Protein backbone atom coordinates (compact mmCIF):
# COMPACT_ATOMS: atom_id res chain seq x y z
CA MET A 1 0.00 0.00 0.00
CA VAL A 2 1.31 3.44 -0.98
CA TRP A 3 1.91 5.83 1.89
CA PRO A 4 0.51 8.37 2.45
CA PRO A 5 -2.93 7.69 0.96
CA GLU A 6 -4.42 10.16 -1.49
CA PRO A 7 -6.95 12.69 -0.14
CA THR A 8 -10.39 11.17 0.18
CA SER A 9 -12.91 11.81 -2.60
CA GLU A 10 -15.80 11.96 -0.09
CA PHE A 11 -16.26 15.71 -0.45
CA ASP A 12 -15.34 18.73 -2.57
CA TRP A 13 -11.96 19.98 -1.34
CA SER A 14 -12.35 23.28 -3.20
CA LYS A 15 -15.17 24.23 -0.82
CA LEU A 16 -13.26 23.45 2.37
CA GLY A 17 -13.86 25.98 5.14
CA PHE A 18 -13.57 25.80 8.93
CA ALA A 19 -16.69 23.80 9.68
CA ILE A 20 -16.49 20.44 11.47
CA THR A 21 -15.86 17.55 9.08
CA GLU A 22 -16.24 13.98 10.28
CA VAL A 23 -12.99 12.04 10.01
CA ALA A 24 -11.96 8.46 10.80
CA GLY A 25 -11.46 8.98 14.53
CA HIS A 26 -9.36 10.51 17.29
CA VAL A 27 -6.76 9.48 19.90
CA GLU A 28 -7.19 9.20 23.66
CA THR A 29 -4.65 8.49 26.39
CA TYR A 30 -5.30 8.39 30.14
CA TYR A 31 -3.34 9.38 33.22
CA SER A 32 -3.86 8.12 36.76
CA ARG A 33 -2.18 9.87 39.69
CA LYS A 34 -2.17 6.58 41.59
CA GLU A 35 -0.21 4.82 38.85
CA GLY A 36 1.79 7.90 37.90
CA LYS A 37 1.92 7.22 34.17
CA TRP A 38 0.10 7.62 30.88
CA THR A 39 -1.51 4.76 29.01
CA GLU A 40 -0.61 3.91 25.44
CA PRO A 41 -2.57 6.02 22.94
CA GLN A 42 -5.89 4.46 21.96
CA TRP A 43 -7.62 4.91 18.62
CA ILE A 44 -11.30 5.88 19.06
CA THR A 45 -13.73 6.08 16.14
CA ASP A 46 -16.63 7.67 18.06
CA PRO A 47 -16.17 11.48 18.13
CA TYR A 48 -18.37 11.82 21.21
CA VAL A 49 -16.94 11.63 24.72
CA LYS A 50 -18.75 10.12 27.71
CA ILE A 51 -17.66 11.66 31.01
CA HIS A 52 -19.21 12.22 34.43
CA GLY A 53 -21.18 15.44 34.77
CA LEU A 54 -19.17 16.35 37.87
CA ALA A 55 -15.78 16.09 36.19
CA PRO A 56 -13.57 19.07 37.19
CA GLY A 57 -12.90 19.73 33.52
CA MET A 58 -16.57 20.58 33.07
CA ASN A 59 -17.28 22.29 36.39
CA TYR A 60 -14.10 24.13 37.29
CA GLY A 61 -12.41 24.71 33.94
CA GLN A 62 -9.63 22.23 34.68
CA GLN A 63 -8.69 21.76 31.05
CA CYS A 64 -6.27 23.15 28.51
CA TYR A 65 -5.87 22.71 24.79
CA GLU A 66 -3.56 23.24 21.85
CA GLY A 67 -3.83 24.02 18.15
CA LEU A 68 -1.39 23.02 15.43
CA LYS A 69 -1.45 21.91 11.81
CA ALA A 70 -0.29 19.21 9.43
CA PHE A 71 0.12 19.73 5.69
CA ARG A 72 0.34 17.59 2.59
CA GLN A 73 3.49 18.97 1.01
CA LYS A 74 4.83 19.37 -2.49
CA ASP A 75 6.69 16.02 -2.36
CA GLY A 76 3.44 14.23 -1.47
CA GLN A 77 4.42 13.58 2.14
CA ILE A 78 2.52 14.78 5.22
CA ARG A 79 4.35 16.85 7.80
CA ILE A 80 3.35 18.48 11.09
CA PHE A 81 4.47 22.04 11.77
CA ARG A 82 6.50 22.49 14.98
CA PRO A 83 4.54 20.08 17.21
CA GLU A 84 7.22 20.02 19.90
CA GLN A 85 6.50 23.69 20.59
CA ASN A 86 2.85 22.89 21.22
CA ALA A 87 3.88 20.04 23.51
CA LEU A 88 5.91 22.46 25.62
CA ARG A 89 3.11 25.01 25.64
CA MET A 90 0.61 22.39 26.81
CA GLN A 91 2.96 21.51 29.66
CA HIS A 92 3.06 25.20 30.58
CA SER A 93 -0.74 25.46 30.51
CA ALA A 94 -1.19 22.25 32.51
CA SER A 95 1.18 23.47 35.24
CA PHE A 96 -1.17 26.37 36.01
CA ILE A 97 -4.21 24.26 36.88
CA CYS A 98 -2.90 21.05 38.48
CA LEU A 99 -3.10 18.93 35.34
CA PRO A 100 -0.46 16.26 34.67
CA GLU A 101 2.02 17.52 32.09
CA PRO A 102 2.19 15.13 29.12
CA PRO A 103 5.82 14.25 28.29
CA VAL A 104 6.87 15.75 24.95
CA ASP A 105 7.51 12.34 23.38
CA HIS A 106 4.10 11.07 24.48
CA PHE A 107 2.35 14.18 23.18
CA LEU A 108 4.12 13.78 19.83
CA LYS A 109 3.22 10.09 19.66
CA CYS A 110 -0.46 10.90 20.15
CA VAL A 111 -0.42 13.72 17.61
CA HIS A 112 1.40 11.65 14.98
CA LEU A 113 -1.03 8.75 15.45
CA ALA A 114 -4.08 11.00 15.11
CA VAL A 115 -2.75 12.51 11.88
CA ALA A 116 -1.51 9.22 10.43
CA ASN A 117 -4.80 7.41 10.99
CA ASN A 118 -6.61 10.33 9.37
CA ALA A 119 -4.10 10.80 6.55
CA ALA A 120 -6.80 10.58 3.87
CA TYR A 121 -8.36 13.71 5.36
CA VAL A 122 -5.26 15.88 5.01
CA PRO A 123 -6.18 18.34 2.23
CA PRO A 124 -4.50 18.10 -1.18
CA TYR A 125 -1.31 20.02 -1.82
CA GLY A 126 -1.80 23.34 -3.56
CA LEU A 127 -5.00 24.51 -1.88
CA GLY A 128 -3.31 26.36 0.98
CA ALA A 129 -5.38 24.23 3.36
CA GLY A 130 -4.21 21.94 6.15
CA MET A 131 -5.28 19.54 8.86
CA TYR A 132 -6.05 21.34 12.11
CA ILE A 133 -4.98 19.34 15.18
CA ARG A 134 -6.68 19.94 18.53
CA PRO A 135 -5.10 18.26 21.59
CA LEU A 136 -7.34 18.67 24.65
CA LEU A 137 -6.21 17.82 28.18
CA PHE A 138 -9.16 17.34 30.54
CA ALA A 139 -9.76 16.35 34.17
CA THR A 140 -12.30 13.57 33.53
CA GLY A 141 -12.61 11.91 36.94
CA GLU A 142 -15.80 12.52 38.93
CA GLN A 143 -15.26 14.89 41.84
CA LEU A 144 -17.24 17.67 43.50
CA GLY A 145 -14.61 19.16 45.79
CA LEU A 146 -11.47 20.94 44.65
CA ASN A 147 -9.02 19.16 46.93
CA PRO A 148 -7.40 16.71 46.47
CA PRO A 149 -7.22 16.63 42.65
CA THR A 150 -9.15 13.97 40.79
CA ASP A 151 -7.36 10.76 39.82
CA LYS A 152 -8.32 10.52 36.15
CA TYR A 153 -7.19 12.73 33.29
CA THR A 154 -7.57 12.31 29.55
CA LEU A 155 -5.59 13.72 26.65
CA PHE A 156 -7.68 13.76 23.49
CA VAL A 157 -6.27 14.53 20.04
CA TYR A 158 -8.86 15.46 17.42
CA VAL A 159 -8.18 16.50 13.83
CA ILE A 160 -10.23 18.13 11.07
CA PRO A 161 -9.32 19.34 7.58
CA THR A 162 -9.63 23.13 7.37
CA GLY A 163 -9.26 26.04 5.04
CA VAL A 164 -7.91 29.42 6.19
CA TYR A 165 -9.75 30.81 9.23
CA HIS A 166 -10.00 34.49 8.25
CA GLY A 167 -9.09 34.22 4.58
CA THR A 168 -6.28 36.36 3.14
CA HIS A 169 -7.97 39.74 2.68
CA PRO A 170 -7.17 42.64 5.03
CA ILE A 171 -9.57 43.08 7.93
CA ASP A 172 -10.44 45.95 10.26
CA ALA A 173 -9.74 45.73 14.01
CA LEU A 174 -11.30 47.44 17.03
CA ILE A 175 -9.71 48.17 20.41
CA LEU A 176 -11.93 47.27 23.38
CA ASP A 177 -10.74 49.72 26.05
CA ASP A 178 -13.31 48.58 28.61
CA PHE A 179 -12.45 44.88 28.44
CA ASP A 180 -9.34 42.98 29.57
CA ARG A 181 -8.87 39.43 28.32
CA ALA A 182 -6.59 38.43 31.18
CA ALA A 183 -5.42 39.97 34.45
CA PRO A 184 -1.77 40.93 35.02
CA GLN A 185 0.16 38.11 36.70
CA GLY A 186 -2.76 35.82 35.85
CA THR A 187 -3.18 32.85 33.52
CA GLY A 188 -3.15 34.74 30.22
CA SER A 189 -0.02 32.94 29.02
CA ALA A 190 -1.75 29.56 29.35
CA LYS A 191 -4.13 28.19 26.74
CA HIS A 192 -7.09 27.41 29.00
CA ASN A 193 -10.74 27.38 28.10
CA ARG A 194 -11.17 30.73 29.87
CA THR A 195 -8.50 32.68 28.00
CA HIS A 196 -7.24 33.66 24.62
CA ILE A 197 -4.57 36.04 23.38
CA GLU A 198 -5.20 39.69 24.14
CA GLU A 199 -3.89 41.42 21.02
CA PHE A 200 -6.56 40.13 18.63
CA SER A 201 -9.50 37.84 19.28
CA THR A 202 -7.90 34.83 17.58
CA SER A 203 -4.33 35.84 16.85
CA GLY A 204 -1.11 37.44 18.03
CA PHE A 205 0.00 40.97 17.14
CA ILE A 206 2.96 41.90 14.96
CA GLY A 207 3.74 45.54 14.15
CA MET A 208 6.01 46.23 11.17
CA ILE A 209 8.19 49.20 10.23
CA HIS A 210 9.62 49.34 6.73
CA GLU A 211 13.29 49.74 5.90
CA ASN A 212 14.49 53.35 5.98
CA LYS A 213 16.33 53.69 2.70
CA GLU A 214 17.65 57.14 3.60
CA THR A 215 19.35 56.09 6.83
CA GLY A 216 19.90 52.44 5.93
CA GLU A 217 18.06 51.25 9.03
CA PRO A 218 16.73 47.72 8.40
CA ALA A 219 13.09 46.76 8.48
CA LYS A 220 11.77 45.98 11.96
CA ILE A 221 9.01 43.94 13.56
CA VAL A 222 7.64 44.64 17.02
CA VAL A 223 5.99 41.92 19.12
CA PRO A 224 4.26 42.67 22.45
CA GLN A 225 5.99 41.34 25.56
CA SER A 226 3.53 40.41 28.28
CA ASN A 227 2.98 37.57 30.71
CA SER A 228 -0.71 37.83 29.79
CA VAL A 229 -0.07 36.74 26.21
CA ILE A 230 0.13 33.18 24.91
CA ASN A 231 3.52 32.11 23.59
CA SER A 232 2.47 31.97 19.94
CA VAL A 233 4.20 29.37 17.77
CA THR A 234 3.27 31.34 14.64
CA VAL A 235 4.56 34.63 16.04
CA ASN A 236 7.80 32.98 17.16
CA SER A 237 8.20 31.48 13.70
CA CYS A 238 7.79 34.94 12.18
CA ILE A 239 10.45 36.27 14.56
CA GLU A 240 12.90 33.61 13.36
CA ILE A 241 12.08 34.35 9.73
CA ALA A 242 12.55 38.09 10.33
CA LYS A 243 15.98 37.48 11.85
CA PHE A 244 16.82 35.25 8.87
CA PHE A 245 15.96 38.21 6.60
CA GLY A 246 18.23 40.49 8.63
CA TRP A 247 15.35 42.52 10.03
CA ASN A 248 15.48 43.96 13.51
CA VAL A 249 13.18 42.43 16.12
CA GLU A 250 11.86 44.17 19.22
CA TYR A 251 10.06 42.15 21.88
CA ARG A 252 8.53 44.62 24.33
CA PRO A 253 5.28 46.18 25.57
CA VAL A 254 3.43 48.03 22.81
CA HIS A 255 1.36 51.09 23.72
CA TYR A 256 -1.65 52.37 21.82
CA ASP A 257 0.25 55.58 21.04
CA GLU A 258 2.67 53.59 18.90
CA LEU A 259 0.03 52.32 16.49
CA SER A 260 0.55 55.31 14.22
CA THR A 261 4.25 54.46 13.81
CA PHE A 262 3.68 51.09 12.14
CA ASN A 263 3.62 50.71 8.36
CA GLU A 264 1.92 47.32 8.62
CA VAL A 265 0.14 45.31 11.30
CA VAL A 266 -0.44 41.57 11.07
CA ALA A 267 -2.51 39.11 13.10
CA ALA A 268 -0.71 35.77 13.49
CA GLY A 269 -1.98 32.40 14.70
CA THR A 270 -2.26 28.71 13.87
CA ALA A 271 -5.82 28.84 12.57
CA ALA A 272 -5.52 32.21 10.87
CA ALA A 273 -1.86 31.95 9.76
CA LEU A 274 -1.05 35.59 8.90
CA VAL A 275 -3.85 38.09 8.32
CA PRO A 276 -3.16 41.69 7.23
CA ILE A 277 -4.84 44.37 9.33
CA LYS A 278 -6.39 47.13 7.24
CA SER A 279 -7.07 49.49 10.14
CA ILE A 280 -7.32 49.68 13.93
CA THR A 281 -10.03 51.84 15.51
CA GLN A 282 -9.97 53.14 19.09
CA LEU A 283 -13.46 54.45 19.79
CA SER A 284 -12.62 55.96 23.19
CA LYS A 285 -10.25 58.43 21.51
CA ASP A 286 -12.12 58.67 18.22
CA ALA A 287 -8.94 57.47 16.53
CA LYS A 288 -8.43 55.27 13.51
CA PHE A 289 -5.06 54.01 12.33
CA GLU A 290 -5.00 52.93 8.70
CA TYR A 291 -2.31 50.67 7.25
CA LEU A 292 -3.52 49.40 3.90
CA LYS A 293 -5.26 51.28 1.12
CA GLU A 294 -5.47 48.31 -1.23
CA ASP A 295 -7.13 44.96 -0.67
CA GLU A 296 -3.85 43.07 -0.35
CA PRO A 297 -1.07 42.60 2.23
CA GLY A 298 1.90 44.91 2.60
CA PRO A 299 5.41 43.97 1.38
CA MET A 300 6.77 42.78 4.73
CA MET A 301 3.85 40.44 5.37
CA LYS A 302 4.18 39.08 1.84
CA GLU A 303 7.78 38.11 2.58
CA LEU A 304 6.93 36.55 5.94
CA VAL A 305 4.01 34.54 4.58
CA ARG A 306 6.04 33.42 1.56
CA VAL A 307 8.53 31.66 3.83
CA LEU A 308 6.11 30.59 6.58
CA LYS A 309 3.58 28.97 4.26
CA GLY A 310 6.35 27.90 1.92
CA VAL A 311 7.96 25.82 4.66
CA GLN A 312 4.60 24.46 5.82
CA GLN A 313 3.60 23.37 2.32
CA GLY A 314 7.03 22.25 1.14
CA ASN A 315 7.55 25.05 -1.37
CA GLU A 316 10.51 26.47 0.55
CA PRO A 317 13.42 24.53 2.08
CA ASP A 318 12.88 23.78 5.77
CA THR A 319 16.01 25.65 6.81
CA PHE A 320 14.75 25.88 10.38
CA GLY A 321 13.98 22.16 10.86
CA TRP A 322 10.37 22.90 11.78
CA CYS A 323 8.41 20.11 10.08
CA GLN A 324 8.05 16.52 11.33
CA LEU A 325 7.35 13.75 8.83
CA VAL A 326 4.25 11.63 9.45
CA SER A 327 4.93 7.95 8.83
CA ASP A 328 2.72 4.94 8.16
CA PRO A 329 1.23 3.93 11.55
CA ASN A 330 1.60 0.28 10.54
CA ALA A 331 5.36 0.68 10.07
CA THR A 332 7.82 -0.11 12.84
CA SER A 333 8.70 3.55 13.48
CA ASN A 334 6.37 6.52 13.90
CA GLY A 335 8.84 8.76 12.10
CA HIS A 336 9.48 11.57 14.56
């Protein structure tokens, strides 16, 4: 049998969006505090989960999740983009809320198995689409009190084929002055069910300043530094690409007053990839910062997305070593 299998012909790939698509199944693995270890990953075909109604994951928000992608690349192989970074981020999130931290190797094993067993649902090369991977760590044991912690925990890994979350056209953004996503010194850096990144509703913030040809100062990107912001894999990838280009990188707090100094602003995230921001409006000051006049990205974003998506889809060499090959689950090695 040829590996990987061709994309399934069950539906029209050209109409792929972000809606839920039924696939072959998902992966589950269980942790018991009494035994102190994780079980081997199990393949489950039923997408529905049966848990006790008093599970802490349902009642007290004792859960965390991740989001990453796999792509069918130009050479026909399937590769996962930077999954070890998501493994580390899940450990970080779990540490905040008394969840067992899945070992990196175990996390990768579960993710690879979920993708491999659903290989026919990885979108065809050339569409710009990918397979979205959703690991979910959940306190599933029944328990009403908060102390001591429950004994049973489950790591689920679901996958669905997806298009691009926001599309590629510039969008307008609005500052919500009267709303804070996360409190200072709180859990904003963890990917829990109660929080999301504070710069944009679904994505991280990158401000861009073009090269100054008169002074020779290189192009620069500015990324907010805050312990209330999730450590974005996509943003960090853009930082590495920017350094590769020879651009300057500043990682620091960004104030509203600086918005007028940027030539471009980009929203960055796993689901959205890179989305150009057309304008940012601050209603409290009756201010509007405009970045794009045309319905297309600026030059710096074009360069970032060329390399980012190029590496993900196999059109650019993986100079950074970011992509992990997905192997036949029936082979002796899982390939990572």
